Protein backbone atom coordinates (compact mmCIF):
# COMPACT_ATOMS: atom_id res chain seq x y z
CA UNK A 1 -3.01 1.71 -7.14
CA UNK A 2 0.75 1.58 -7.61
CA UNK A 3 2.29 -0.56 -9.57
CA UNK A 4 3.79 -2.50 -7.16
CA UNK A 5 0.70 -2.70 -4.78
CA UNK A 6 -0.27 -1.17 -1.39
CA UNK A 7 1.97 -1.10 1.78
CA UNK A 8 0.96 -0.48 5.37
CA UNK A 9 2.81 0.35 8.25
CA UNK A 10 2.02 -0.18 11.73
CA UNK A 11 4.00 1.48 13.75
CA UNK A 12 3.72 3.80 17.24
CA UNK A 13 6.95 5.43 16.95
CA UNK A 14 6.30 8.61 14.54
CA UNK A 15 9.62 8.74 13.49
CA UNK A 16 10.20 5.41 12.58
CA UNK A 17 6.62 5.61 11.08
CA UNK A 18 7.44 8.39 9.30
CA UNK A 19 10.96 7.02 7.99
CA UNK A 20 9.17 3.60 7.01
CA UNK A 21 6.13 5.44 4.90
CA UNK A 22 9.01 7.79 2.80
CA UNK A 23 11.41 4.32 2.14
CA UNK A 24 8.23 2.81 0.97
CA UNK A 25 6.82 5.26 -0.91
CA UNK A 26 10.12 5.81 -2.97
CA UNK A 27 10.01 2.62 -3.94
CA UNK A 28 7.09 2.56 -5.57
CA UNK A 29 4.43 1.75 -3.29
CA UNK A 30 1.10 3.15 -2.36
CA UNK A 31 1.30 3.84 1.25
CA UNK A 32 -1.18 3.76 4.20
CA UNK A 33 -0.22 3.73 7.79
CA UNK A 34 -1.44 2.70 11.37
CA UNK A 35 -0.23 3.50 14.82
CA UNK A 36 -1.89 0.70 17.04
CA UNK A 37 -2.22 -2.97 16.44
CA UNK A 38 -6.17 -3.51 15.77
CA UNK A 39 -6.14 -0.28 13.57
CA UNK A 40 -3.47 -2.31 11.68
CA UNK A 41 -5.20 -5.63 11.15
CA UNK A 42 -7.76 -3.50 9.94
CA UNK A 43 -6.24 -1.32 7.27
CA UNK A 44 -4.23 -4.27 6.22
CA UNK A 45 -7.39 -6.33 5.69
CA UNK A 46 -9.54 -3.00 4.07
CA UNK A 47 -6.97 -1.83 1.77
CA UNK A 48 -5.13 -5.74 0.63
CA UNK A 49 -1.75 -5.20 1.81
CA UNK A 50 1.56 -6.31 -0.90
CA UNK A 51 3.90 -5.85 1.68
CA UNK A 52 3.36 -4.60 5.85
CA UNK A 53 5.92 -3.65 7.99
CA UNK A 54 4.84 -4.21 11.77
CA UNK A 55 6.73 -3.07 15.14
CA UNK A 56 7.13 -5.62 17.95
CA UNK A 57 5.92 -3.14 20.56
CA UNK A 58 2.68 -2.01 19.98
CA UNK A 59 0.73 0.25 22.66
CA UNK A 60 -2.32 -2.42 22.36
CA UNK A 61 -1.56 -5.53 21.18
CA UNK A 62 1.83 -7.14 20.48
CA UNK A 63 3.19 -7.28 16.46
CA UNK A 64 2.86 -11.06 17.27
CA UNK A 65 -0.63 -11.16 17.83
CA UNK A 66 -1.10 -8.59 15.24
CA UNK A 67 0.73 -11.23 12.86
CA UNK A 68 -1.63 -14.04 13.87
CA UNK A 69 -4.82 -11.65 13.06
CA UNK A 70 -3.19 -10.81 9.27
CA UNK A 71 -2.05 -14.13 8.66
CA UNK A 72 -5.68 -15.56 8.98
CA UNK A 73 -6.63 -14.01 5.65
CA UNK A 74 -3.58 -12.52 3.96
CA UNK A 75 -0.54 -13.98 2.23
CA UNK A 76 1.30 -10.02 2.33
CA UNK A 77 4.88 -9.82 3.20
CA UNK A 78 5.69 -9.06 6.72
CA UNK A 79 8.65 -7.90 8.18
CA UNK A 80 9.01 -7.55 11.50
CA UNK A 81 10.73 -4.27 13.19
CA UNK A 82 11.94 -4.80 16.60
CA UNK A 83 14.32 -1.98 18.90
CA UNK A 84 15.15 -5.76 20.59
CA UNK A 85 18.25 -7.98 19.95
CA UNK A 86 16.83 -10.75 21.90
CA UNK A 87 16.92 -13.85 19.47
CA UNK A 88 13.87 -14.74 20.79
CA UNK A 89 12.17 -11.79 19.00
CA UNK A 90 13.71 -13.11 15.82
CA UNK A 91 12.69 -17.06 16.02
CA UNK A 92 9.12 -16.12 17.79
CA UNK A 93 8.37 -13.83 14.53
CA UNK A 94 9.30 -16.11 11.85
CA UNK A 95 7.95 -19.42 14.02
CA UNK A 96 4.40 -16.64 13.70
CA UNK A 97 4.60 -15.82 10.42
CA UNK A 98 6.95 -13.03 9.42
CA UNK A 99 9.20 -13.63 6.12
CA UNK A 100 11.64 -11.23 7.34
CA UNK A 101 12.84 -8.67 10.72
CA UNK A 102 15.19 -5.72 10.90
CA UNK A 103 16.11 -4.49 14.35
CA UNK A 104 16.10 -0.80 14.93
CA UNK A 105 17.81 1.41 14.00
CA UNK A 106 18.16 0.37 10.62
CA UNK A 107 19.30 1.86 7.58
CA UNK A 108 16.76 3.17 5.04
CA UNK A 109 18.68 0.98 2.11
CA UNK A 110 18.62 -1.97 4.05
CA UNK A 111 14.88 -1.70 4.37
CA UNK A 112 14.34 -1.06 0.81
CA UNK A 113 17.02 -3.73 -0.09
CA UNK A 114 14.96 -6.46 1.95
CA UNK A 115 11.51 -5.46 0.47
CA UNK A 116 12.85 -5.23 -3.59
CA UNK A 117 14.30 -8.80 -2.42
CA UNK A 118 10.72 -10.31 -1.18
CA UNK A 119 8.72 -8.91 -4.45
CA UNK A 120 11.62 -10.32 -6.82
CA UNK A 121 10.51 -13.66 -5.11
CA UNK A 122 6.38 -13.60 -5.74
CA UNK A 123 4.25 -16.28 -3.64
CA UNK A 124 3.35 -19.37 -5.59
CA UNK A 125 1.17 -18.61 -8.18
CA UNK A 126 0.00 -22.05 -10.09
CA UNK A 127 -2.77 -24.14 -8.74
CA UNK A 128 -1.67 -27.57 -11.37
CA UNK A 129 -1.49 -30.58 -9.99
CA UNK A 130 2.08 -32.05 -9.88
CA UNK A 131 3.27 -34.87 -12.73
CA UNK A 132 4.24 -38.34 -11.55
CA UNK A 133 7.55 -38.97 -10.58
CA UNK A 134 10.32 -39.79 -13.00
CA UNK A 135 12.75 -42.18 -12.16
CA UNK A 136 16.00 -41.18 -11.20
CA UNK A 137 19.28 -42.53 -9.74
CA UNK A 138 19.69 -41.84 -5.91
CA UNK A 139 19.35 -38.66 -4.68
CA UNK A 140 18.72 -37.01 -7.57
CA UNK A 141 15.38 -35.22 -8.47
CA UNK A 142 14.09 -34.67 -12.04
CA UNK A 143 13.62 -32.00 -13.85
CA UNK A 144 10.35 -32.39 -16.14
CA UNK A 145 8.11 -29.34 -17.05
CA UNK A 146 9.84 -26.77 -15.88
CA UNK A 147 9.71 -28.39 -12.17
CA UNK A 148 11.89 -30.82 -10.08
CA UNK A 149 10.30 -34.25 -8.86
CA UNK A 150 11.29 -36.12 -5.87
CA UNK A 151 9.90 -38.77 -3.82
CA UNK A 152 6.47 -37.56 -4.76
CA UNK A 153 7.24 -33.79 -4.11
CA UNK A 154 7.00 -31.37 -7.08
CA UNK A 155 8.30 -27.97 -7.17
CA UNK A 156 7.36 -25.73 -10.49
CA UNK A 157 9.80 -22.84 -10.24
CA UNK A 158 7.54 -20.78 -12.74
CA UNK A 159 4.30 -21.15 -10.85
CA UNK A 160 6.01 -20.84 -7.67
CA UNK A 161 4.00 -24.37 -6.72
CA UNK A 162 5.02 -27.11 -4.82
CA UNK A 163 2.50 -30.55 -4.37
CA UNK A 164 3.12 -33.55 -2.36
CA UNK A 165 1.43 -36.88 -3.82
CA UNK A 166 -0.85 -34.23 -6.15
CA UNK A 167 -1.74 -31.94 -3.14
CA UNK A 168 -0.78 -28.20 -3.24
CA UNK A 169 1.31 -27.08 -0.22
CA UNK A 170 1.52 -23.10 0.63
CA UNK A 171 4.71 -22.31 1.56
CA UNK A 172 6.16 -18.49 2.25
CA UNK A 173 8.88 -17.48 0.34
CA UNK A 174 11.80 -18.47 2.51
CA UNK A 175 10.61 -21.77 2.59
CA UNK A 176 10.26 -22.14 -1.19
CA UNK A 177 13.63 -20.77 -1.93
CA UNK A 178 15.26 -23.07 0.55
CA UNK A 179 13.51 -26.16 -0.60
CA UNK A 180 13.77 -25.35 -4.48
CA UNK A 181 17.85 -24.83 -3.43
CA UNK A 182 17.57 -28.36 -1.79
CA UNK A 183 16.49 -29.94 -4.95
CA UNK A 184 18.84 -27.71 -7.29
CA UNK A 185 21.58 -29.63 -4.91
CA UNK A 186 20.74 -33.18 -5.61
CA UNK A 187 21.69 -34.36 -2.26
CA UNK A 188 24.88 -32.03 -1.84
CA UNK A 189 25.08 -30.74 1.41
CA UNK A 190 24.69 -27.02 1.67
CA UNK A 191 25.54 -25.02 4.80
CA UNK A 192 23.49 -22.96 6.98
CA UNK A 193 25.79 -19.96 5.53
CA UNK A 194 24.79 -20.78 2.18
CA UNK A 195 21.00 -21.20 2.97
CA UNK A 196 21.14 -17.61 4.80
CA UNK A 197 22.47 -16.20 1.54
CA UNK A 198 19.25 -18.43 -0.55
CA UNK A 199 16.77 -16.25 2.26
CA UNK A 200 18.48 -13.33 2.09
CA UNK A 201 19.05 -13.11 -1.52
CA UNK A 202 20.79 -10.62 -3.67
CA UNK A 203 21.16 -8.19 -0.01
CA UNK A 204 23.92 -10.93 1.22
CA UNK A 205 26.64 -10.62 -0.93
CA UNK A 206 29.54 -13.33 -0.60
CA UNK A 207 31.46 -11.07 1.93
CA UNK A 208 28.39 -9.85 4.23
CA UNK A 209 29.13 -11.05 7.94
CA UNK A 210 26.57 -14.06 8.81
CA UNK A 211 25.33 -14.04 12.59
CA UNK A 212 24.05 -17.39 14.27
CA UNK A 213 20.54 -15.51 14.82
CA UNK A 214 20.82 -15.97 11.03
CA UNK A 215 21.60 -19.23 11.09
CA UNK A 216 19.09 -20.19 13.82
CA UNK A 217 16.24 -18.42 11.45
CA UNK A 218 17.15 -20.75 8.95
CA UNK A 219 16.49 -23.86 11.26
CA UNK A 220 13.28 -22.43 12.04
CA UNK A 221 12.56 -21.92 8.43
CA UNK A 222 13.09 -25.84 8.03
CA UNK A 223 11.64 -26.52 11.01
CA UNK A 224 8.43 -24.79 9.62
CA UNK A 225 9.33 -26.27 6.46
CA UNK A 226 9.27 -29.83 7.71
CA UNK A 227 5.54 -29.57 9.29
CA UNK A 228 4.21 -28.35 6.42
CA UNK A 229 5.45 -31.11 3.95
CA UNK A 230 4.24 -33.80 7.08
CA UNK A 231 8.34 -34.87 6.92
CA UNK A 232 9.24 -37.56 9.83
CA UNK A 233 12.63 -36.24 10.79
CA UNK A 234 13.16 -40.17 11.89
CA UNK A 235 12.59 -41.37 8.46
CA UNK A 236 12.84 -37.88 6.60
CA UNK A 237 11.38 -38.44 2.47
CA UNK A 238 12.99 -35.05 1.45
CA UNK A 239 15.32 -33.18 3.86
CA UNK A 240 18.43 -34.77 5.88
CA UNK A 241 19.73 -32.70 8.56
CA UNK A 242 23.99 -32.59 8.78
CA UNK A 243 24.55 -31.92 12.15
CA UNK A 244 27.09 -29.34 12.71
CA UNK A 245 26.86 -28.32 8.90
CA UNK A 246 23.40 -27.55 7.32
CA UNK A 247 21.34 -29.86 5.22
CA UNK A 248 20.71 -31.81 2.22
CA UNK A 249 17.87 -33.74 0.16
CA UNK A 250 17.27 -37.15 0.97
CA UNK A 251 17.93 -40.31 -1.39
CA UNK A 252 14.95 -41.39 -3.85
CA UNK A 253 12.93 -43.89 -1.91
CA UNK A 254 13.43 -47.17 -3.20
């Protein structure tokens, strides 16, 4: 196995499969592939994949069902590939647990950049309990022990861990980055455009075009984040929506 680990390509189009295999192999992965969904699930399980590229339109079961099955046993980074430009495809992929998506045809360097950005932001690794809250002025999270603390929530960027009232919360890379950005903002409003760049990482430069679909993807990530935190949108402890703009950190609870 290489230093980067194993990549699995689940794609029924031989030309696309060969292209993706070449990109990932050149990036430093040990690459395996499958042309059908059920086979892809087993290859991911058997090879303990680090990264998976997954076509939406497969001949036996669709990519969303493959994604759901993989998520039952793996936290591999998953990039969905689709030939359709329908926004619903993107939102369905993110709701189901994908980390990113690309529309065919795509540039090889774009796929390489997306995968590299994910690998630079690893999944949470720590299992340590959070420290008690430290009193701070309204709207400002406390920084202690390399972590951020706010209203019973603790985020440690070194271990990539998040806890709520001492209980560990499992987040995707995108959810973690969004929460981290809002905590660092200490109550400042973050626009959806800013948060798209947080999710996309270095690939989205300041002059890069950001579509409505990108902004909707942020909304989906925020919805998933609220669900995992068991946030009450009517009385938020952490995440406030600023209508027409974006999101900000809720004030410190009294």
